[in-house]
N, C-alpha and C. Protein backbone atom coordinates (compact mmCIF):
# COMPACT_ATOMS: atom_id res chain seq x y z
N MET A 1 -31.78 -21.95 -91.46
CA MET A 1 -33.14 -21.51 -91.42
C MET A 1 -33.17 -19.98 -91.57
N GLN A 2 -33.95 -19.56 -92.45
CA GLN A 2 -34.18 -18.11 -92.67
C GLN A 2 -35.28 -17.64 -91.73
N SER A 3 -35.11 -16.52 -91.05
CA SER A 3 -36.12 -16.04 -90.17
C SER A 3 -37.45 -15.77 -90.90
N VAL A 4 -37.38 -15.23 -92.11
CA VAL A 4 -38.62 -14.94 -92.87
C VAL A 4 -39.40 -16.26 -93.03
N ASP A 5 -38.71 -17.33 -93.49
CA ASP A 5 -39.39 -18.63 -93.58
C ASP A 5 -39.96 -19.18 -92.26
N ALA A 6 -39.20 -19.01 -91.22
CA ALA A 6 -39.59 -19.52 -89.88
C ALA A 6 -40.91 -18.80 -89.40
N TYR A 7 -40.86 -17.50 -89.55
CA TYR A 7 -42.05 -16.66 -89.09
C TYR A 7 -43.27 -16.96 -89.97
N SER A 8 -43.09 -17.20 -91.27
CA SER A 8 -44.17 -17.55 -92.09
C SER A 8 -44.78 -18.91 -91.70
N ILE A 9 -43.96 -19.88 -91.37
CA ILE A 9 -44.43 -21.13 -90.97
C ILE A 9 -45.16 -21.03 -89.61
N LEU A 10 -44.55 -20.29 -88.68
CA LEU A 10 -45.19 -20.11 -87.33
C LEU A 10 -46.58 -19.46 -87.47
N SER A 11 -46.67 -18.48 -88.33
CA SER A 11 -47.96 -17.79 -88.60
C SER A 11 -49.01 -18.76 -89.06
N LYS A 12 -48.61 -19.65 -90.00
CA LYS A 12 -49.59 -20.67 -90.50
C LYS A 12 -49.91 -21.67 -89.43
N GLU A 13 -48.95 -22.09 -88.63
CA GLU A 13 -49.19 -23.04 -87.61
C GLU A 13 -50.18 -22.52 -86.55
N LEU A 14 -49.91 -21.25 -86.17
CA LEU A 14 -50.84 -20.64 -85.12
C LEU A 14 -52.28 -20.42 -85.69
N ALA A 15 -52.37 -20.01 -86.93
CA ALA A 15 -53.72 -19.88 -87.55
C ALA A 15 -54.50 -21.22 -87.58
N ALA A 16 -53.75 -22.34 -87.91
CA ALA A 16 -54.35 -23.69 -88.00
C ALA A 16 -54.78 -24.08 -86.59
N ALA A 17 -53.95 -23.86 -85.58
CA ALA A 17 -54.26 -24.25 -84.19
C ALA A 17 -55.40 -23.51 -83.68
N ALA A 18 -55.48 -22.20 -83.97
CA ALA A 18 -56.54 -21.36 -83.51
C ALA A 18 -57.89 -21.75 -84.09
N MET A 19 -57.94 -22.48 -85.18
CA MET A 19 -59.19 -22.92 -85.79
C MET A 19 -59.68 -24.19 -85.25
N LEU A 20 -58.90 -24.85 -84.43
CA LEU A 20 -59.35 -26.14 -83.81
C LEU A 20 -60.56 -25.87 -82.87
N PRO A 21 -61.40 -26.86 -82.74
CA PRO A 21 -62.58 -26.69 -81.88
C PRO A 21 -62.12 -26.52 -80.42
N PRO A 22 -62.91 -25.80 -79.61
CA PRO A 22 -62.57 -25.60 -78.22
C PRO A 22 -62.28 -26.88 -77.49
N SER A 23 -63.00 -27.94 -77.75
CA SER A 23 -62.75 -29.23 -77.06
C SER A 23 -61.36 -29.79 -77.32
N LYS A 24 -60.87 -29.65 -78.61
CA LYS A 24 -59.59 -30.12 -79.01
C LYS A 24 -58.48 -29.24 -78.34
N LEU A 25 -58.69 -27.89 -78.29
CA LEU A 25 -57.74 -27.03 -77.69
C LEU A 25 -57.62 -27.32 -76.19
N SER A 26 -58.79 -27.63 -75.56
CA SER A 26 -58.78 -28.00 -74.17
C SER A 26 -57.96 -29.27 -73.90
N GLN A 27 -58.09 -30.26 -74.76
CA GLN A 27 -57.26 -31.52 -74.64
C GLN A 27 -55.82 -31.19 -74.83
N LEU A 28 -55.48 -30.37 -75.77
CA LEU A 28 -54.08 -30.04 -76.02
C LEU A 28 -53.47 -29.27 -74.82
N ALA A 29 -54.30 -28.40 -74.17
CA ALA A 29 -53.82 -27.66 -73.03
C ALA A 29 -53.50 -28.52 -71.84
N ASP A 30 -54.15 -29.63 -71.74
CA ASP A 30 -53.92 -30.61 -70.72
C ASP A 30 -52.81 -31.62 -71.04
N GLY A 31 -52.27 -31.54 -72.25
CA GLY A 31 -51.26 -32.54 -72.75
C GLY A 31 -49.90 -31.94 -72.88
N SER A 32 -49.07 -32.69 -73.61
CA SER A 32 -47.75 -32.35 -73.89
C SER A 32 -47.60 -31.55 -75.23
N PRO A 33 -46.54 -30.81 -75.37
CA PRO A 33 -46.34 -30.12 -76.70
C PRO A 33 -46.27 -31.14 -77.85
N ILE A 34 -46.64 -30.75 -78.98
CA ILE A 34 -46.57 -31.53 -80.21
C ILE A 34 -45.43 -31.07 -81.08
N SER A 35 -44.53 -31.95 -81.47
CA SER A 35 -43.43 -31.49 -82.33
C SER A 35 -43.25 -32.41 -83.51
N ARG A 36 -42.70 -31.83 -84.58
CA ARG A 36 -42.44 -32.60 -85.81
C ARG A 36 -41.30 -31.87 -86.57
N SER A 37 -40.72 -32.60 -87.44
CA SER A 37 -39.67 -32.03 -88.26
C SER A 37 -40.17 -31.83 -89.67
N ILE A 38 -39.97 -30.68 -90.23
CA ILE A 38 -40.36 -30.41 -91.62
C ILE A 38 -39.12 -29.90 -92.40
N ASP A 39 -39.24 -29.94 -93.70
CA ASP A 39 -38.18 -29.47 -94.56
C ASP A 39 -38.57 -28.05 -95.10
N VAL A 40 -37.63 -27.12 -94.79
CA VAL A 40 -37.87 -25.76 -95.24
C VAL A 40 -36.67 -25.32 -96.04
N SER A 41 -36.90 -25.08 -97.33
CA SER A 41 -35.78 -24.73 -98.34
C SER A 41 -34.56 -25.65 -98.15
N GLY A 42 -34.88 -26.92 -98.04
CA GLY A 42 -33.80 -27.92 -97.97
C GLY A 42 -33.15 -28.15 -96.65
N GLU A 43 -33.69 -27.44 -95.59
CA GLU A 43 -33.14 -27.62 -94.25
C GLU A 43 -34.16 -28.19 -93.27
N PRO A 44 -33.76 -29.06 -92.38
CA PRO A 44 -34.65 -29.59 -91.42
C PRO A 44 -35.01 -28.51 -90.34
N VAL A 45 -36.27 -28.38 -90.05
CA VAL A 45 -36.67 -27.36 -89.04
C VAL A 45 -37.63 -28.06 -88.10
N GLU A 46 -37.41 -28.04 -86.81
CA GLU A 46 -38.34 -28.61 -85.82
C GLU A 46 -39.41 -27.62 -85.51
N ILE A 47 -40.67 -28.02 -85.59
CA ILE A 47 -41.80 -27.21 -85.29
C ILE A 47 -42.41 -27.78 -84.03
N GLU A 48 -42.64 -26.88 -83.04
CA GLU A 48 -43.30 -27.40 -81.81
C GLU A 48 -44.47 -26.51 -81.47
N ILE A 49 -45.66 -27.11 -81.20
CA ILE A 49 -46.80 -26.36 -80.80
C ILE A 49 -47.12 -26.77 -79.36
N ASP A 50 -47.30 -25.74 -78.52
CA ASP A 50 -47.55 -25.94 -77.13
C ASP A 50 -48.81 -25.16 -76.74
N VAL A 51 -49.79 -25.80 -76.17
CA VAL A 51 -51.03 -25.17 -75.81
C VAL A 51 -51.16 -25.25 -74.32
N SER A 52 -51.32 -24.16 -73.62
CA SER A 52 -51.47 -24.07 -72.19
C SER A 52 -52.67 -23.21 -71.79
N TRP A 53 -53.12 -23.37 -70.64
CA TRP A 53 -54.23 -22.54 -70.15
C TRP A 53 -53.78 -21.09 -69.97
N HIS A 54 -54.61 -20.20 -70.31
CA HIS A 54 -54.32 -18.75 -70.16
C HIS A 54 -55.32 -18.22 -69.14
N GLY A 55 -54.76 -17.81 -68.01
CA GLY A 55 -55.61 -17.29 -66.89
C GLY A 55 -56.13 -18.42 -66.00
N THR A 56 -56.83 -18.12 -65.01
CA THR A 56 -57.32 -19.10 -64.03
C THR A 56 -58.68 -19.65 -64.32
N ASN A 57 -59.45 -19.06 -65.18
CA ASN A 57 -60.80 -19.50 -65.51
C ASN A 57 -60.95 -20.62 -66.49
N ARG A 58 -59.82 -20.98 -67.09
CA ARG A 58 -59.83 -21.99 -68.23
C ARG A 58 -60.82 -21.66 -69.34
N ASP A 59 -60.89 -20.36 -69.63
CA ASP A 59 -61.76 -19.96 -70.73
C ASP A 59 -60.97 -19.43 -71.90
N ALA A 60 -59.67 -19.59 -71.85
CA ALA A 60 -58.78 -19.23 -72.99
C ALA A 60 -57.51 -20.06 -72.88
N VAL A 61 -56.87 -20.20 -74.07
CA VAL A 61 -55.59 -20.97 -74.10
C VAL A 61 -54.55 -20.08 -74.76
N LEU A 62 -53.29 -20.33 -74.36
CA LEU A 62 -52.21 -19.68 -74.99
C LEU A 62 -51.48 -20.72 -75.93
N ILE A 63 -51.43 -20.38 -77.21
CA ILE A 63 -50.77 -21.28 -78.16
C ILE A 63 -49.45 -20.69 -78.51
N SER A 64 -48.38 -21.45 -78.22
CA SER A 64 -47.04 -21.08 -78.59
C SER A 64 -46.52 -21.97 -79.67
N ALA A 65 -45.95 -21.28 -80.71
CA ALA A 65 -45.35 -22.05 -81.80
C ALA A 65 -43.89 -21.72 -81.88
N HIS A 66 -43.09 -22.78 -81.94
CA HIS A 66 -41.65 -22.63 -81.98
C HIS A 66 -41.09 -23.28 -83.24
N ALA A 67 -40.12 -22.58 -83.78
CA ALA A 67 -39.33 -23.21 -84.95
C ALA A 67 -37.89 -23.19 -84.55
N ARG A 68 -37.26 -24.33 -84.69
CA ARG A 68 -35.81 -24.47 -84.41
C ARG A 68 -35.09 -25.14 -85.51
N GLY A 69 -34.01 -24.46 -85.90
CA GLY A 69 -33.20 -24.99 -86.99
C GLY A 69 -31.86 -24.34 -87.11
N SER A 70 -31.08 -24.82 -87.99
CA SER A 70 -29.75 -24.35 -88.17
C SER A 70 -29.76 -23.04 -88.97
N SER A 71 -28.82 -22.16 -88.61
CA SER A 71 -28.59 -20.93 -89.35
C SER A 71 -27.20 -21.03 -89.89
N THR A 72 -26.71 -20.02 -90.52
CA THR A 72 -25.37 -20.04 -91.10
C THR A 72 -24.32 -20.28 -89.99
N TRP A 73 -24.40 -19.56 -88.90
CA TRP A 73 -23.37 -19.60 -87.89
C TRP A 73 -23.83 -20.16 -86.57
N HIS A 74 -25.12 -20.44 -86.35
CA HIS A 74 -25.56 -20.85 -85.07
C HIS A 74 -26.98 -21.48 -85.20
N HIS A 75 -27.43 -22.08 -84.10
CA HIS A 75 -28.77 -22.65 -84.07
C HIS A 75 -29.76 -21.53 -83.83
N GLN A 76 -30.84 -21.47 -84.55
CA GLN A 76 -31.81 -20.43 -84.47
C GLN A 76 -33.12 -20.89 -83.84
N HIS A 77 -33.73 -20.04 -83.03
CA HIS A 77 -35.04 -20.34 -82.45
C HIS A 77 -35.93 -19.17 -82.66
N CYS A 78 -37.14 -19.34 -83.25
CA CYS A 78 -38.12 -18.30 -83.45
C CYS A 78 -39.41 -18.76 -82.73
N GLN A 79 -40.06 -17.84 -82.17
CA GLN A 79 -41.30 -18.13 -81.43
C GLN A 79 -42.39 -17.07 -81.71
N GLU A 80 -43.64 -17.58 -81.76
CA GLU A 80 -44.79 -16.62 -81.77
C GLU A 80 -45.87 -17.20 -80.87
N ARG A 81 -46.70 -16.29 -80.33
CA ARG A 81 -47.78 -16.74 -79.40
C ARG A 81 -49.10 -16.14 -79.82
N LEU A 82 -50.14 -16.79 -79.41
CA LEU A 82 -51.51 -16.33 -79.71
C LEU A 82 -52.46 -16.79 -78.58
N VAL A 83 -53.29 -15.88 -78.05
CA VAL A 83 -54.34 -16.30 -77.04
C VAL A 83 -55.61 -16.46 -77.74
N VAL A 84 -56.25 -17.56 -77.53
CA VAL A 84 -57.56 -17.94 -78.13
C VAL A 84 -58.62 -18.14 -77.02
N SER A 85 -59.67 -17.44 -77.14
CA SER A 85 -60.80 -17.62 -76.22
C SER A 85 -61.56 -18.89 -76.59
N LEU A 86 -62.00 -19.59 -75.55
CA LEU A 86 -62.73 -20.85 -75.75
C LEU A 86 -64.23 -20.54 -75.65
N ARG A 87 -64.55 -19.30 -75.26
CA ARG A 87 -65.97 -18.92 -75.16
C ARG A 87 -66.47 -18.16 -76.44
N HIS A 88 -67.68 -18.43 -76.80
CA HIS A 88 -68.25 -17.77 -77.93
C HIS A 88 -69.46 -17.00 -77.49
N ASP A 89 -69.37 -15.63 -77.42
CA ASP A 89 -70.52 -14.84 -76.98
C ASP A 89 -71.52 -14.75 -78.08
N ALA A 90 -72.74 -14.85 -77.72
CA ALA A 90 -73.85 -14.78 -78.74
C ALA A 90 -74.22 -13.33 -79.05
């Protein structure tokens, strides 16, 4: 797994998760991480999205995206995070 490819995938995964409706993000925060395997440049890469509550007011979630895959000499893990507010100020 190339780091450039991994971070590109993680960026797209975070952007897609951040666009989910607040009700769906709330459900995900109360659930288990979602993982799947994808093919990146001919290599299997495990993508995991974990949504958890951010702060005590339950008005924001922390979305963590992980990519795990083989590298030339070792197993590689890349991670990115994003905080998304569930409130929309008028």
